[in-house]
C-alpha atoms as a PDB file:
ATOM      1  CA  UNK A   1     -24.515 -31.835  -7.964  1.00  0.00           C
ATOM      2  CA  UNK A   2     -22.250 -28.942  -8.807  1.00  0.00           C
ATOM      3  CA  UNK A   3     -20.149 -26.468  -6.852  1.00  0.00           C
ATOM      4  CA  UNK A   4     -22.778 -23.818  -7.527  1.00  0.00           C
ATOM      5  CA  UNK A   5     -25.583 -26.140  -6.381  1.00  0.00           C
ATOM      6  CA  UNK A   6     -23.960 -26.575  -2.965  1.00  0.00           C
ATOM      7  CA  UNK A   7     -23.283 -22.856  -2.510  1.00  0.00           C
ATOM      8  CA  UNK A   8     -26.811 -21.970  -3.617  1.00  0.00           C
ATOM      9  CA  UNK A   9     -28.111 -24.549  -1.140  1.00  0.00           C
ATOM     10  CA  UNK A  10     -26.305 -22.649   1.611  1.00  0.00           C
ATOM     11  CA  UNK A  11     -27.704 -19.323   0.396  1.00  0.00           C
ATOM     12  CA  UNK A  12     -31.222 -20.737   0.116  1.00  0.00           C
ATOM     13  CA  UNK A  13     -31.217 -22.420   3.521  1.00  0.00           C
ATOM     14  CA  UNK A  14     -30.036 -19.131   5.068  1.00  0.00           C
ATOM     15  CA  UNK A  15     -32.913 -17.313   3.352  1.00  0.00           C
ATOM     16  CA  UNK A  16     -35.342 -19.980   4.581  1.00  0.00           C
ATOM     17  CA  UNK A  17     -34.281 -19.136   8.139  1.00  0.00           C
ATOM     18  CA  UNK A  18     -34.355 -15.380   7.407  1.00  0.00           C
ATOM     19  CA  UNK A  19     -30.607 -15.172   7.899  1.00  0.00           C
ATOM     20  CA  UNK A  20     -27.760 -13.703   5.948  1.00  0.00           C
ATOM     21  CA  UNK A  21     -25.002 -16.120   4.992  1.00  0.00           C
ATOM     22  CA  UNK A  22     -22.840 -14.633   7.757  1.00  0.00           C
ATOM     23  CA  UNK A  23     -25.723 -15.091  10.213  1.00  0.00           C
ATOM     24  CA  UNK A  24     -26.029 -18.735   9.183  1.00  0.00           C
ATOM     25  CA  UNK A  25     -22.296 -19.197   9.659  1.00  0.00           C
ATOM     26  CA  UNK A  26     -22.417 -17.682  13.164  1.00  0.00           C
ATOM     27  CA  UNK A  27     -25.484 -19.765  14.098  1.00  0.00           C
ATOM     28  CA  UNK A  28     -23.578 -22.834  12.924  1.00  0.00           C
ATOM     29  CA  UNK A  29     -20.577 -22.019  15.128  1.00  0.00           C
ATOM     30  CA  UNK A  30     -18.425 -20.987  12.175  1.00  0.00           C
ATOM     31  CA  UNK A  31     -16.538 -17.807  11.394  1.00  0.00           C
ATOM     32  CA  UNK A  32     -18.928 -15.186  10.048  1.00  0.00           C
ATOM     33  CA  UNK A  33     -16.953 -14.978   6.793  1.00  0.00           C
ATOM     34  CA  UNK A  34     -17.163 -18.710   6.034  1.00  0.00           C
ATOM     35  CA  UNK A  35     -19.862 -18.298   3.390  1.00  0.00           C
ATOM     36  CA  UNK A  36     -18.656 -15.036   1.828  1.00  0.00           C
ATOM     37  CA  UNK A  37     -18.761 -14.981  -1.974  1.00  0.00           C
ATOM     38  CA  UNK A  38     -15.029 -14.286  -2.004  1.00  0.00           C
ATOM     39  CA  UNK A  39     -14.398 -17.653  -0.348  1.00  0.00           C
ATOM     40  CA  UNK A  40     -16.217 -19.678  -2.999  1.00  0.00           C
ATOM     41  CA  UNK A  41     -13.216 -19.763  -5.305  1.00  0.00           C
ATOM     42  CA  UNK A  42      -9.539 -20.339  -4.623  1.00  0.00           C
ATOM     43  CA  UNK A  43      -6.881 -17.787  -5.479  1.00  0.00           C
ATOM     44  CA  UNK A  44      -6.182 -19.613  -8.735  1.00  0.00           C
ATOM     45  CA  UNK A  45      -9.857 -19.327  -9.716  1.00  0.00           C
ATOM     46  CA  UNK A  46     -10.693 -22.969  -9.076  1.00  0.00           C
ATOM     47  CA  UNK A  47     -13.877 -23.767  -7.138  1.00  0.00           C
ATOM     48  CA  UNK A  48     -13.609 -23.937  -3.352  1.00  0.00           C
ATOM     49  CA  UNK A  49     -16.127 -26.443  -2.061  1.00  0.00           C
ATOM     50  CA  UNK A  50     -17.438 -26.174   1.495  1.00  0.00           C
ATOM     51  CA  UNK A  51     -16.093 -28.993   3.644  1.00  0.00           C
ATOM     52  CA  UNK A  52     -18.216 -31.812   4.990  1.00  0.00           C
ATOM     53  CA  UNK A  53     -17.482 -30.381   8.444  1.00  0.00           C
ATOM     54  CA  UNK A  54     -18.933 -27.014   7.409  1.00  0.00           C
ATOM     55  CA  UNK A  55     -22.059 -28.616   5.952  1.00  0.00           C
ATOM     56  CA  UNK A  56     -22.423 -30.778   9.089  1.00  0.00           C
ATOM     57  CA  UNK A  57     -22.260 -27.657  11.282  1.00  0.00           C
ATOM     58  CA  UNK A  58     -25.119 -26.124   9.283  1.00  0.00           C
ATOM     59  CA  UNK A  59     -27.189 -29.314   9.428  1.00  0.00           C
ATOM     60  CA  UNK A  60     -26.687 -29.654  13.180  1.00  0.00           C
ATOM     61  CA  UNK A  61     -27.460 -26.002  13.892  1.00  0.00           C
ATOM     62  CA  UNK A  62     -30.678 -26.116  11.866  1.00  0.00           C
ATOM     63  CA  UNK A  63     -31.639 -29.652  12.941  1.00  0.00           C
ATOM     64  CA  UNK A  64     -32.046 -30.784   9.336  1.00  0.00           C
ATOM     65  CA  UNK A  65     -30.765 -33.791   7.423  1.00  0.00           C
ATOM     66  CA  UNK A  66     -28.531 -33.866   4.385  1.00  0.00           C
ATOM     67  CA  UNK A  67     -31.636 -34.842   2.404  1.00  0.00           C
ATOM     68  CA  UNK A  68     -33.410 -31.755   3.708  1.00  0.00           C
ATOM     69  CA  UNK A  69     -30.430 -29.608   2.708  1.00  0.00           C
ATOM     70  CA  UNK A  70     -30.448 -31.100  -0.796  1.00  0.00           C
ATOM     71  CA  UNK A  71     -33.957 -29.711  -1.286  1.00  0.00           C
ATOM     72  CA  UNK A  72     -32.484 -26.201  -1.115  1.00  0.00           C
ATOM     73  CA  UNK A  73     -30.072 -26.821  -3.986  1.00  0.00           C
ATOM     74  CA  UNK A  74     -31.011 -25.781  -7.525  1.00  0.00           C
ATOM     75  CA  UNK A  75     -32.590 -28.470  -9.597  1.00  0.00           C
ATOM     76  CA  UNK A  76     -31.646 -27.506 -13.134  1.00  0.00           C
ATOM     77  CA  UNK A  77     -29.078 -30.109 -14.135  1.00  0.00           C
ATOM     78  CA  UNK A  78     -29.931 -32.872 -16.620  1.00  0.00           C
ATOM     79  CA  UNK A  79     -29.411 -35.635 -14.055  1.00  0.00           C
ATOM     80  CA  UNK A  80     -30.890 -33.939 -11.022  1.00  0.00           C
ATOM     81  CA  UNK A  81     -34.096 -35.201  -9.508  1.00  0.00           C
ATOM     82  CA  UNK A  82     -36.528 -33.194  -7.418  1.00  0.00           C
ATOM     83  CA  UNK A  83     -36.409 -34.389  -3.825  1.00  0.00           C
ATOM     84  CA  UNK A  84     -39.676 -34.405  -1.884  1.00  0.00           C
END
């Protein structure tokens, strides 16, 4: 699992619910800018990972499990396995 996988999971789950990323954030009780592209890297250019709290807010709002969320992440890495 990579930084990009997690962020793409957020984007994809928002699309699944016909929401923008800011709409998903609001639905999850988070600030509407939480999932902005500009917040995916730190000022020094290093990756900014969403917190477990942030992911938990999304899971709770959508009534899905972490396993369900993982299905929305890209599956192109050499060690990744398709989750059914």
